[in-house]
Each structure stands twice: as structure tokens, then as C-alpha cells.
All heavy atoms as atom14 arrays in JSON, in Angstrom:
{
  "sequence": "QQLDSVSGLLTVLQTPEDCFEDGIDCRNYGELAGLPSARAYWA",
  "atom14_mask": [
    [1, 1, 1, 1, 1, 1, 1, 1, 1, 0, 0, 0, 0, 0],
    [1, 1, 1, 1, 1, 1, 1, 1, 1, 0, 0, 0, 0, 0],
    [1, 1, 1, 1, 1, 1, 1, 1, 0, 0, 0, 0, 0, 0],
    [1, 1, 1, 1, 1, 1, 1, 1, 0, 0, 0, 0, 0, 0],
    [1, 1, 1, 1, 1, 1, 0, 0, 0, 0, 0, 0, 0, 0],
    [1, 1, 1, 1, 1, 1, 1, 0, 0, 0, 0, 0, 0, 0],
    [1, 1, 1, 1, 1, 1, 0, 0, 0, 0, 0, 0, 0, 0],
    [1, 1, 1, 1, 0, 0, 0, 0, 0, 0, 0, 0, 0, 0],
    [1, 1, 1, 1, 1, 1, 1, 1, 0, 0, 0, 0, 0, 0],
    [1, 1, 1, 1, 1, 1, 1, 1, 0, 0, 0, 0, 0, 0],
    [1, 1, 1, 1, 1, 1, 1, 0, 0, 0, 0, 0, 0, 0],
    [1, 1, 1, 1, 1, 1, 1, 0, 0, 0, 0, 0, 0, 0],
    [1, 1, 1, 1, 1, 1, 1, 1, 0, 0, 0, 0, 0, 0],
    [1, 1, 1, 1, 1, 1, 1, 1, 1, 0, 0, 0, 0, 0],
    [1, 1, 1, 1, 1, 1, 1, 0, 0, 0, 0, 0, 0, 0],
    [1, 1, 1, 1, 1, 1, 1, 0, 0, 0, 0, 0, 0, 0],
    [1, 1, 1, 1, 1, 1, 1, 1, 1, 0, 0, 0, 0, 0],
    [1, 1, 1, 1, 1, 1, 1, 1, 0, 0, 0, 0, 0, 0],
    [1, 1, 1, 1, 1, 1, 0, 0, 0, 0, 0, 0, 0, 0],
    [1, 1, 1, 1, 1, 1, 1, 1, 1, 1, 1, 0, 0, 0],
    [1, 1, 1, 1, 1, 1, 1, 1, 1, 0, 0, 0, 0, 0],
    [1, 1, 1, 1, 1, 1, 1, 1, 0, 0, 0, 0, 0, 0],
    [1, 1, 1, 1, 0, 0, 0, 0, 0, 0, 0, 0, 0, 0],
    [1, 1, 1, 1, 1, 1, 1, 1, 0, 0, 0, 0, 0, 0],
    [1, 1, 1, 1, 1, 1, 1, 1, 0, 0, 0, 0, 0, 0],
    [1, 1, 1, 1, 1, 1, 0, 0, 0, 0, 0, 0, 0, 0],
    [1, 1, 1, 1, 1, 1, 1, 1, 1, 1, 1, 0, 0, 0],
    [1, 1, 1, 1, 1, 1, 1, 1, 0, 0, 0, 0, 0, 0],
    [1, 1, 1, 1, 1, 1, 1, 1, 1, 1, 1, 1, 0, 0],
    [1, 1, 1, 1, 0, 0, 0, 0, 0, 0, 0, 0, 0, 0],
    [1, 1, 1, 1, 1, 1, 1, 1, 1, 0, 0, 0, 0, 0],
    [1, 1, 1, 1, 1, 1, 1, 1, 0, 0, 0, 0, 0, 0],
    [1, 1, 1, 1, 1, 0, 0, 0, 0, 0, 0, 0, 0, 0],
    [1, 1, 1, 1, 0, 0, 0, 0, 0, 0, 0, 0, 0, 0],
    [1, 1, 1, 1, 1, 1, 1, 1, 0, 0, 0, 0, 0, 0],
    [1, 1, 1, 1, 1, 1, 1, 0, 0, 0, 0, 0, 0, 0],
    [1, 1, 1, 1, 1, 1, 0, 0, 0, 0, 0, 0, 0, 0],
    [1, 1, 1, 1, 1, 0, 0, 0, 0, 0, 0, 0, 0, 0],
    [1, 1, 1, 1, 1, 1, 1, 1, 1, 1, 1, 0, 0, 0],
    [1, 1, 1, 1, 1, 0, 0, 0, 0, 0, 0, 0, 0, 0],
    [1, 1, 1, 1, 1, 1, 1, 1, 1, 1, 1, 1, 0, 0],
    [1, 1, 1, 1, 1, 1, 1, 1, 1, 1, 1, 1, 1, 1],
    [1, 1, 1, 1, 1, 0, 0, 0, 0, 0, 0, 0, 0, 0]
  ],
  "atom14_positions": [
    [[-20.61, -16.76, -12.17], [-19.36, -17.15, -12.79], [-18.16, -16.82, -11.93], [-17.28, -17.63, -11.79], [-19.23, -16.41, -14.11], [-18.17, -16.98, -15.04], [-18.08, -16.31, -16.41], [-18.82, -15.37, -16.61], [-17.14, -16.64, -17.18], [0.0, 0.0, 0.0], [0.0, 0.0, 0.0], [0.0, 0.0, 0.0], [0.0, 0.0, 0.0], [0.0, 0.0, 0.0]],
    [[-18.19, -15.67, -11.26], [-17.1, -15.28, -10.29], [-17.09, -16.2, -9.07], [-16.06, -16.71, -8.78], [-17.21, -13.88, -9.82], [-16.91, -12.82, -10.86], [-17.28, -11.46, -10.34], [-18.42, -10.93, -10.54], [-16.46, -10.87, -9.55], [0.0, 0.0, 0.0], [0.0, 0.0, 0.0], [0.0, 0.0, 0.0], [0.0, 0.0, 0.0], [0.0, 0.0, 0.0]],
    [[-18.26, -16.57, -8.58], [-18.38, -17.43, -7.41], [-17.91, -18.91, -7.77], [-17.15, -19.57, -7.03], [-19.8, -17.48, -6.84], [-20.35, -16.16, -6.33], [-21.75, -16.23, -5.99], [-19.45, -15.56, -5.24], [0.0, 0.0, 0.0], [0.0, 0.0, 0.0], [0.0, 0.0, 0.0], [0.0, 0.0, 0.0], [0.0, 0.0, 0.0], [0.0, 0.0, 0.0]],
    [[-18.34, -19.33, -8.99], [-17.86, -20.67, -9.46], [-16.35, -20.72, -9.66], [-15.79, -21.81, -9.37], [-18.58, -20.99, -10.76], [-20.05, -21.27, -10.63], [-20.56, -21.51, -9.42], [-20.77, -21.36, -11.58], [0.0, 0.0, 0.0], [0.0, 0.0, 0.0], [0.0, 0.0, 0.0], [0.0, 0.0, 0.0], [0.0, 0.0, 0.0], [0.0, 0.0, 0.0]],
    [[-15.77, -19.59, -9.93], [-14.33, -19.59, -10.25], [-13.49, -19.88, -9.01], [-12.3, -20.18, -9.15], [-13.84, -18.36, -11.0], [-13.87, -17.21, -10.07], [0.0, 0.0, 0.0], [0.0, 0.0, 0.0], [0.0, 0.0, 0.0], [0.0, 0.0, 0.0], [0.0, 0.0, 0.0], [0.0, 0.0, 0.0], [0.0, 0.0, 0.0], [0.0, 0.0, 0.0]],
    [[-14.01, -19.65, -7.8], [-13.31, -19.77, -6.61], [-13.89, -20.96, -5.8], [-13.7, -21.03, -4.58], [-13.33, -18.48, -5.76], [-12.48, -17.5, -6.51], [-14.74, -18.02, -5.44], [0.0, 0.0, 0.0], [0.0, 0.0, 0.0], [0.0, 0.0, 0.0], [0.0, 0.0, 0.0], [0.0, 0.0, 0.0], [0.0, 0.0, 0.0], [0.0, 0.0, 0.0]],
    [[-14.58, -21.84, -6.48], [-15.19, -23.01, -5.74], [-14.2, -23.95, -5.12], [-14.54, -24.73, -4.22], [-16.13, -23.77, -6.67], [-15.5, -24.31, -7.76], [0.0, 0.0, 0.0], [0.0, 0.0, 0.0], [0.0, 0.0, 0.0], [0.0, 0.0, 0.0], [0.0, 0.0, 0.0], [0.0, 0.0, 0.0], [0.0, 0.0, 0.0], [0.0, 0.0, 0.0]],
    [[-12.93, -23.83, -5.52], [-11.93, -24.65, -4.9], [-11.71, -24.4, -3.33], [-11.25, -25.11, -2.61], [0.0, 0.0, 0.0], [0.0, 0.0, 0.0], [0.0, 0.0, 0.0], [0.0, 0.0, 0.0], [0.0, 0.0, 0.0], [0.0, 0.0, 0.0], [0.0, 0.0, 0.0], [0.0, 0.0, 0.0], [0.0, 0.0, 0.0], [0.0, 0.0, 0.0]],
    [[-12.34, -23.17, -2.96], [-12.27, -22.81, -1.57], [-13.09, -23.85, -0.69], [-12.77, -24.02, 0.49], [-12.98, -21.46, -1.42], [-13.02, -20.84, 0.02], [-11.6, -20.45, 0.55], [-13.9, -19.52, -0.05], [0.0, 0.0, 0.0], [0.0, 0.0, 0.0], [0.0, 0.0, 0.0], [0.0, 0.0, 0.0], [0.0, 0.0, 0.0], [0.0, 0.0, 0.0]],
    [[-14.02, -24.5, -1.28], [-14.89, -25.42, -0.57], [-14.13, -26.75, -0.2], [-14.61, -27.46, 0.62], [-16.12, -25.77, -1.41], [-17.06, -24.6, -1.71], [-18.12, -25.01, -2.67], [-17.64, -24.06, -0.42], [0.0, 0.0, 0.0], [0.0, 0.0, 0.0], [0.0, 0.0, 0.0], [0.0, 0.0, 0.0], [0.0, 0.0, 0.0], [0.0, 0.0, 0.0]],
    [[-13.04, -27.06, -0.9], [-12.43, -28.34, -0.72], [-10.99, -28.32, -0.17], [-10.3, -29.33, -0.15], [-12.46, -29.05, -2.06], [-11.77, -28.3, -3.06], [-13.79, -29.44, -2.56], [0.0, 0.0, 0.0], [0.0, 0.0, 0.0], [0.0, 0.0, 0.0], [0.0, 0.0, 0.0], [0.0, 0.0, 0.0], [0.0, 0.0, 0.0], [0.0, 0.0, 0.0]],
    [[-10.6, -27.11, 0.24], [-9.25, -27.1, 0.8], [-9.02, -27.68, 2.13], [-7.89, -28.11, 2.51], [-8.69, -25.56, 0.82], [-8.46, -25.05, -0.5], [-9.59, -24.75, 1.68], [0.0, 0.0, 0.0], [0.0, 0.0, 0.0], [0.0, 0.0, 0.0], [0.0, 0.0, 0.0], [0.0, 0.0, 0.0], [0.0, 0.0, 0.0], [0.0, 0.0, 0.0]],
    [[-10.18, -27.91, 2.92], [-10.11, -28.58, 4.17], [-10.89, -29.9, 3.99], [-12.15, -29.8, 3.79], [-10.66, -27.71, 5.28], [-9.97, -26.41, 5.54], [-10.67, -25.67, 6.69], [-8.48, -26.53, 5.78], [0.0, 0.0, 0.0], [0.0, 0.0, 0.0], [0.0, 0.0, 0.0], [0.0, 0.0, 0.0], [0.0, 0.0, 0.0], [0.0, 0.0, 0.0]],
    [[-10.33, -31.03, 4.13], [-11.01, -32.34, 3.87], [-10.91, -33.23, 5.03], [-11.76, -34.19, 5.17], [-10.49, -33.0, 2.57], [-10.82, -32.16, 1.29], [-10.41, -32.86, 0.11], [-9.66, -33.8, 0.17], [-10.92, -32.39, -0.99], [0.0, 0.0, 0.0], [0.0, 0.0, 0.0], [0.0, 0.0, 0.0], [0.0, 0.0, 0.0], [0.0, 0.0, 0.0]],
    [[-9.92, -33.17, 5.86], [-9.65, -34.14, 6.95], [-9.5, -33.36, 8.27], [-9.26, -32.14, 8.26], [-8.45, -34.97, 6.7], [-7.26, -34.2, 6.8], [-8.47, -35.66, 5.32], [0.0, 0.0, 0.0], [0.0, 0.0, 0.0], [0.0, 0.0, 0.0], [0.0, 0.0, 0.0], [0.0, 0.0, 0.0], [0.0, 0.0, 0.0], [0.0, 0.0, 0.0]],
    [[-9.7, -34.08, 9.47], [-9.34, -33.36, 10.63], [-8.0, -32.77, 10.75], [-7.86, -31.65, 11.36], [-9.67, -34.53, 11.71], [-10.63, -35.4, 11.1], [-10.25, -35.44, 9.65], [0.0, 0.0, 0.0], [0.0, 0.0, 0.0], [0.0, 0.0, 0.0], [0.0, 0.0, 0.0], [0.0, 0.0, 0.0], [0.0, 0.0, 0.0], [0.0, 0.0, 0.0]],
    [[-7.06, -33.45, 10.2], [-5.67, -32.96, 10.24], [-5.53, -31.64, 9.49], [-4.6, -30.81, 9.76], [-4.74, -33.98, 9.62], [-4.47, -35.2, 10.46], [-5.72, -36.2, 10.44], [-6.47, -36.09, 9.43], [-5.93, -36.88, 11.43], [0.0, 0.0, 0.0], [0.0, 0.0, 0.0], [0.0, 0.0, 0.0], [0.0, 0.0, 0.0], [0.0, 0.0, 0.0]],
    [[-6.41, -31.35, 8.49], [-6.35, -30.15, 7.75], [-6.74, -28.93, 8.57], [-6.54, -27.75, 8.19], [-7.27, -30.16, 6.47], [-6.77, -31.14, 5.46], [-5.55, -31.44, 5.43], [-7.58, -31.62, 4.68], [0.0, 0.0, 0.0], [0.0, 0.0, 0.0], [0.0, 0.0, 0.0], [0.0, 0.0, 0.0], [0.0, 0.0, 0.0], [0.0, 0.0, 0.0]],
    [[-7.32, -29.25, 9.7], [-7.97, -28.15, 10.49], [-7.0, -27.49, 11.54], [-7.4, -26.67, 12.3], [-9.16, -28.61, 11.3], [-10.45, -29.19, 10.2], [0.0, 0.0, 0.0], [0.0, 0.0, 0.0], [0.0, 0.0, 0.0], [0.0, 0.0, 0.0], [0.0, 0.0, 0.0], [0.0, 0.0, 0.0], [0.0, 0.0, 0.0], [0.0, 0.0, 0.0]],
    [[-5.72, -27.9, 11.47], [-4.66, -27.32, 12.3], [-3.77, -26.34, 11.57], [-3.41, -26.6, 10.37], [-3.83, -28.47, 12.88], [-4.48, -29.27, 13.96], [-5.38, -30.28, 13.55], [-4.29, -29.03, 15.3], [-6.08, -31.02, 14.55], [-4.92, -29.74, 16.3], [-5.85, -30.73, 15.96], [0.0, 0.0, 0.0], [0.0, 0.0, 0.0], [0.0, 0.0, 0.0]],
    [[-3.46, -25.26, 12.21], [-2.59, -24.3, 11.67], [-1.67, -23.68, 12.79], [-2.31, -23.26, 13.75], [-3.39, -23.2, 10.92], [-2.57, -22.05, 10.39], [-2.09, -22.38, 8.94], [-2.16, -23.57, 8.52], [-1.65, -21.39, 8.21], [0.0, 0.0, 0.0], [0.0, 0.0, 0.0], [0.0, 0.0, 0.0], [0.0, 0.0, 0.0], [0.0, 0.0, 0.0]],
    [[-0.44, -23.78, 12.63], [0.53, -23.25, 13.64], [0.19, -23.79, 15.0], [0.33, -23.08, 16.05], [0.41, -21.66, 13.72], [0.73, -20.98, 12.4], [1.69, -21.53, 11.66], [0.14, -19.97, 12.04], [0.0, 0.0, 0.0], [0.0, 0.0, 0.0], [0.0, 0.0, 0.0], [0.0, 0.0, 0.0], [0.0, 0.0, 0.0], [0.0, 0.0, 0.0]],
    [[-0.08, -25.09, 15.05], [-0.4, -25.71, 16.28], [-1.79, -25.43, 16.89], [-2.06, -25.83, 17.97], [0.0, 0.0, 0.0], [0.0, 0.0, 0.0], [0.0, 0.0, 0.0], [0.0, 0.0, 0.0], [0.0, 0.0, 0.0], [0.0, 0.0, 0.0], [0.0, 0.0, 0.0], [0.0, 0.0, 0.0], [0.0, 0.0, 0.0], [0.0, 0.0, 0.0]],
    [[-2.61, -24.65, 16.15], [-3.9, -24.28, 16.59], [-5.0, -25.07, 16.04], [-4.99, -25.36, 14.76], [-4.18, -22.77, 16.21], [-3.12, -21.86, 16.89], [-5.57, -22.35, 16.64], [-3.18, -20.5, 16.34], [0.0, 0.0, 0.0], [0.0, 0.0, 0.0], [0.0, 0.0, 0.0], [0.0, 0.0, 0.0], [0.0, 0.0, 0.0], [0.0, 0.0, 0.0]],
    [[-5.85, -25.67, 16.75], [-7.02, -26.48, 16.32], [-8.09, -25.39, 15.96], [-8.81, -24.84, 16.83], [-7.48, -27.47, 17.33], [-8.58, -28.39, 16.76], [-9.24, -28.05, 15.85], [-8.87, -29.37, 17.51], [0.0, 0.0, 0.0], [0.0, 0.0, 0.0], [0.0, 0.0, 0.0], [0.0, 0.0, 0.0], [0.0, 0.0, 0.0], [0.0, 0.0, 0.0]],
    [[-8.27, -25.21, 14.68], [-9.22, -24.16, 14.24], [-10.66, -24.46, 14.41], [-11.57, -23.55, 14.26], [-8.98, -23.84, 12.77], [-7.28, -23.22, 12.46], [0.0, 0.0, 0.0], [0.0, 0.0, 0.0], [0.0, 0.0, 0.0], [0.0, 0.0, 0.0], [0.0, 0.0, 0.0], [0.0, 0.0, 0.0], [0.0, 0.0, 0.0], [0.0, 0.0, 0.0]],
    [[-10.97, -25.68, 14.91], [-12.39, -25.99, 15.28], [-12.71, -25.63, 16.67], [-13.89, -25.64, 17.0], [-12.44, -27.55, 15.18], [-12.15, -28.11, 13.81], [-12.08, -29.59, 13.8], [-10.95, -30.09, 14.67], [-10.68, -31.32, 14.93], [-11.35, -32.29, 14.32], [-9.67, -31.65, 15.7], [0.0, 0.0, 0.0], [0.0, 0.0, 0.0], [0.0, 0.0, 0.0]],
    [[-11.76, -25.08, 17.42], [-12.03, -24.81, 18.78], [-12.05, -23.29, 19.08], [-11.89, -22.47, 18.19], [-10.94, -25.56, 19.68], [-11.45, -26.06, 20.95], [-12.42, -25.46, 21.58], [-10.91, -27.21, 21.44], [0.0, 0.0, 0.0], [0.0, 0.0, 0.0], [0.0, 0.0, 0.0], [0.0, 0.0, 0.0], [0.0, 0.0, 0.0], [0.0, 0.0, 0.0]],
    [[-12.3, -22.9, 20.36], [-12.31, -21.57, 20.77], [-10.83, -21.0, 20.68], [-9.82, -21.7, 20.55], [-12.65, -21.47, 22.22], [-14.11, -21.74, 22.48], [-14.48, -22.58, 23.58], [-15.21, -21.19, 21.82], [-15.79, -22.85, 23.92], [-16.5, -21.44, 22.11], [-16.84, -22.31, 23.15], [-18.14, -22.51, 23.43], [0.0, 0.0, 0.0], [0.0, 0.0, 0.0]],
    [[-10.8, -19.62, 20.72], [-9.5, -19.01, 20.82], [-9.12, -18.12, 19.65], [-9.87, -18.11, 18.65], [0.0, 0.0, 0.0], [0.0, 0.0, 0.0], [0.0, 0.0, 0.0], [0.0, 0.0, 0.0], [0.0, 0.0, 0.0], [0.0, 0.0, 0.0], [0.0, 0.0, 0.0], [0.0, 0.0, 0.0], [0.0, 0.0, 0.0], [0.0, 0.0, 0.0]],
    [[-8.07, -17.34, 19.75], [-7.49, -16.51, 18.78], [-8.57, -15.43, 18.25], [-8.91, -15.39, 17.09], [-7.03, -17.3, 17.52], [-5.9, -18.39, 17.84], [-4.7, -17.84, 18.39], [-4.36, -16.6, 18.1], [-4.07, -18.4, 19.21], [0.0, 0.0, 0.0], [0.0, 0.0, 0.0], [0.0, 0.0, 0.0], [0.0, 0.0, 0.0], [0.0, 0.0, 0.0]],
    [[-9.01, -14.67, 19.19], [-10.07, -13.7, 18.94], [-9.71, -12.8, 17.81], [-10.62, -12.43, 16.97], [-10.44, -12.96, 20.18], [-11.49, -11.77, 19.98], [-12.82, -12.32, 19.48], [-11.69, -11.04, 21.37], [0.0, 0.0, 0.0], [0.0, 0.0, 0.0], [0.0, 0.0, 0.0], [0.0, 0.0, 0.0], [0.0, 0.0, 0.0], [0.0, 0.0, 0.0]],
    [[-8.47, -12.32, 17.82], [-8.05, -11.37, 16.78], [-7.7, -12.01, 15.49], [-7.37, -11.33, 14.47], [-6.8, -10.62, 17.27], [0.0, 0.0, 0.0], [0.0, 0.0, 0.0], [0.0, 0.0, 0.0], [0.0, 0.0, 0.0], [0.0, 0.0, 0.0], [0.0, 0.0, 0.0], [0.0, 0.0, 0.0], [0.0, 0.0, 0.0], [0.0, 0.0, 0.0]],
    [[-7.93, -13.37, 15.3], [-7.71, -14.03, 14.11], [-6.52, -14.96, 14.08], [-5.58, -14.77, 14.88], [0.0, 0.0, 0.0], [0.0, 0.0, 0.0], [0.0, 0.0, 0.0], [0.0, 0.0, 0.0], [0.0, 0.0, 0.0], [0.0, 0.0, 0.0], [0.0, 0.0, 0.0], [0.0, 0.0, 0.0], [0.0, 0.0, 0.0], [0.0, 0.0, 0.0]],
    [[-6.53, -15.96, 13.23], [-5.4, -16.82, 13.08], [-4.16, -16.05, 12.75], [-4.22, -15.15, 11.94], [-5.68, -17.82, 11.93], [-6.55, -19.05, 12.24], [-6.73, -19.84, 10.94], [-6.12, -19.88, 13.38], [0.0, 0.0, 0.0], [0.0, 0.0, 0.0], [0.0, 0.0, 0.0], [0.0, 0.0, 0.0], [0.0, 0.0, 0.0], [0.0, 0.0, 0.0]],
    [[-2.98, -16.41, 13.28], [-1.79, -15.64, 12.87], [-1.57, -15.62, 11.35], [-1.13, -14.62, 10.8], [-0.62, -16.42, 13.63], [-1.34, -17.02, 14.88], [-2.83, -17.28, 14.38], [0.0, 0.0, 0.0], [0.0, 0.0, 0.0], [0.0, 0.0, 0.0], [0.0, 0.0, 0.0], [0.0, 0.0, 0.0], [0.0, 0.0, 0.0], [0.0, 0.0, 0.0]],
    [[-1.9, -16.74, 10.65], [-1.6, -16.78, 9.27], [-2.57, -15.87, 8.55], [-2.29, -15.3, 7.51], [-1.84, -18.2, 8.74], [-3.03, -18.75, 9.13], [0.0, 0.0, 0.0], [0.0, 0.0, 0.0], [0.0, 0.0, 0.0], [0.0, 0.0, 0.0], [0.0, 0.0, 0.0], [0.0, 0.0, 0.0], [0.0, 0.0, 0.0], [0.0, 0.0, 0.0]],
    [[-3.85, -15.73, 9.1], [-4.86, -14.79, 8.45], [-4.43, -13.38, 8.66], [-4.63, -12.57, 7.85], [-6.23, -15.09, 9.06], [0.0, 0.0, 0.0], [0.0, 0.0, 0.0], [0.0, 0.0, 0.0], [0.0, 0.0, 0.0], [0.0, 0.0, 0.0], [0.0, 0.0, 0.0], [0.0, 0.0, 0.0], [0.0, 0.0, 0.0], [0.0, 0.0, 0.0]],
    [[-3.97, -13.05, 9.76], [-3.48, -11.72, 10.07], [-2.28, -11.36, 9.25], [-2.25, -10.22, 8.67], [-3.12, -11.54, 11.61], [-4.26, -11.83, 12.55], [-3.94, -11.64, 13.98], [-3.76, -10.27, 14.38], [-3.42, -9.85, 15.6], [-3.23, -10.74, 16.59], [-3.31, -8.55, 15.85], [0.0, 0.0, 0.0], [0.0, 0.0, 0.0], [0.0, 0.0, 0.0]],
    [[-1.39, -12.34, 8.97], [-0.2, -12.1, 8.16], [-0.67, -11.95, 6.72], [-0.07, -11.1, 5.94], [0.73, -13.27, 8.21], [0.0, 0.0, 0.0], [0.0, 0.0, 0.0], [0.0, 0.0, 0.0], [0.0, 0.0, 0.0], [0.0, 0.0, 0.0], [0.0, 0.0, 0.0], [0.0, 0.0, 0.0], [0.0, 0.0, 0.0], [0.0, 0.0, 0.0]],
    [[-1.76, -12.67, 6.39], [-2.25, -12.52, 4.91], [-2.7, -11.02, 4.66], [-2.41, -10.48, 3.7], [-3.42, -13.53, 4.6], [-4.16, -13.27, 3.46], [-3.62, -13.66, 2.21], [-5.36, -12.57, 3.36], [-4.22, -13.42, 1.06], [-5.98, -12.31, 2.25], [-5.49, -12.68, 1.02], [-6.12, -12.47, -0.13], [0.0, 0.0, 0.0], [0.0, 0.0, 0.0]],
    [[-3.52, -10.58, 5.65], [-4.16, -9.18, 5.45], [-3.01, -8.16, 5.58], [-3.04, -7.18, 4.84], [-5.26, -8.94, 6.39], [-6.52, -9.53, 5.96], [-7.32, -10.5, 6.51], [-7.25, -9.15, 4.74], [-8.47, -10.8, 5.86], [-8.41, -9.92, 4.72], [-7.06, -8.26, 3.73], [-9.34, -9.82, 3.67], [-7.92, -8.12, 2.73], [-9.08, -8.89, 2.67]],
    [[-2.05, -8.41, 6.42], [-0.9, -7.45, 6.48], [-0.15, -7.38, 5.14], [0.22, -6.3, 4.62], [0.05, -7.92, 7.58], [0.0, 0.0, 0.0], [0.0, 0.0, 0.0], [0.0, 0.0, 0.0], [0.0, 0.0, 0.0], [0.0, 0.0, 0.0], [0.0, 0.0, 0.0], [0.0, 0.0, 0.0], [0.0, 0.0, 0.0], [0.0, 0.0, 0.0]]
  ]
}
């Protein structure tokens, strides 16, 4: 029930354009310490 309640996580990325964040193509190498937005989220 908990896992089902967050199933929207599966559909937030649907197109190639959705895979870019802060000019970073998240499908590619790089950003070893994490996406800037992910680091800001945890901060």
C-alpha cells in the first residue's frame, strides 16, 4: 500500500526532454556527487 501510494514516481519522466536538469543530460556520465537539484533536496 505504501509503495502503491508513490507509484507516480514511475511516470514523472516520459520524454527525452524530461531527462534534462540544469542543463545536464541525466542519461549520460557525470556529476559523481549527485545532481545539483538532488544535493539541494537533501540539504
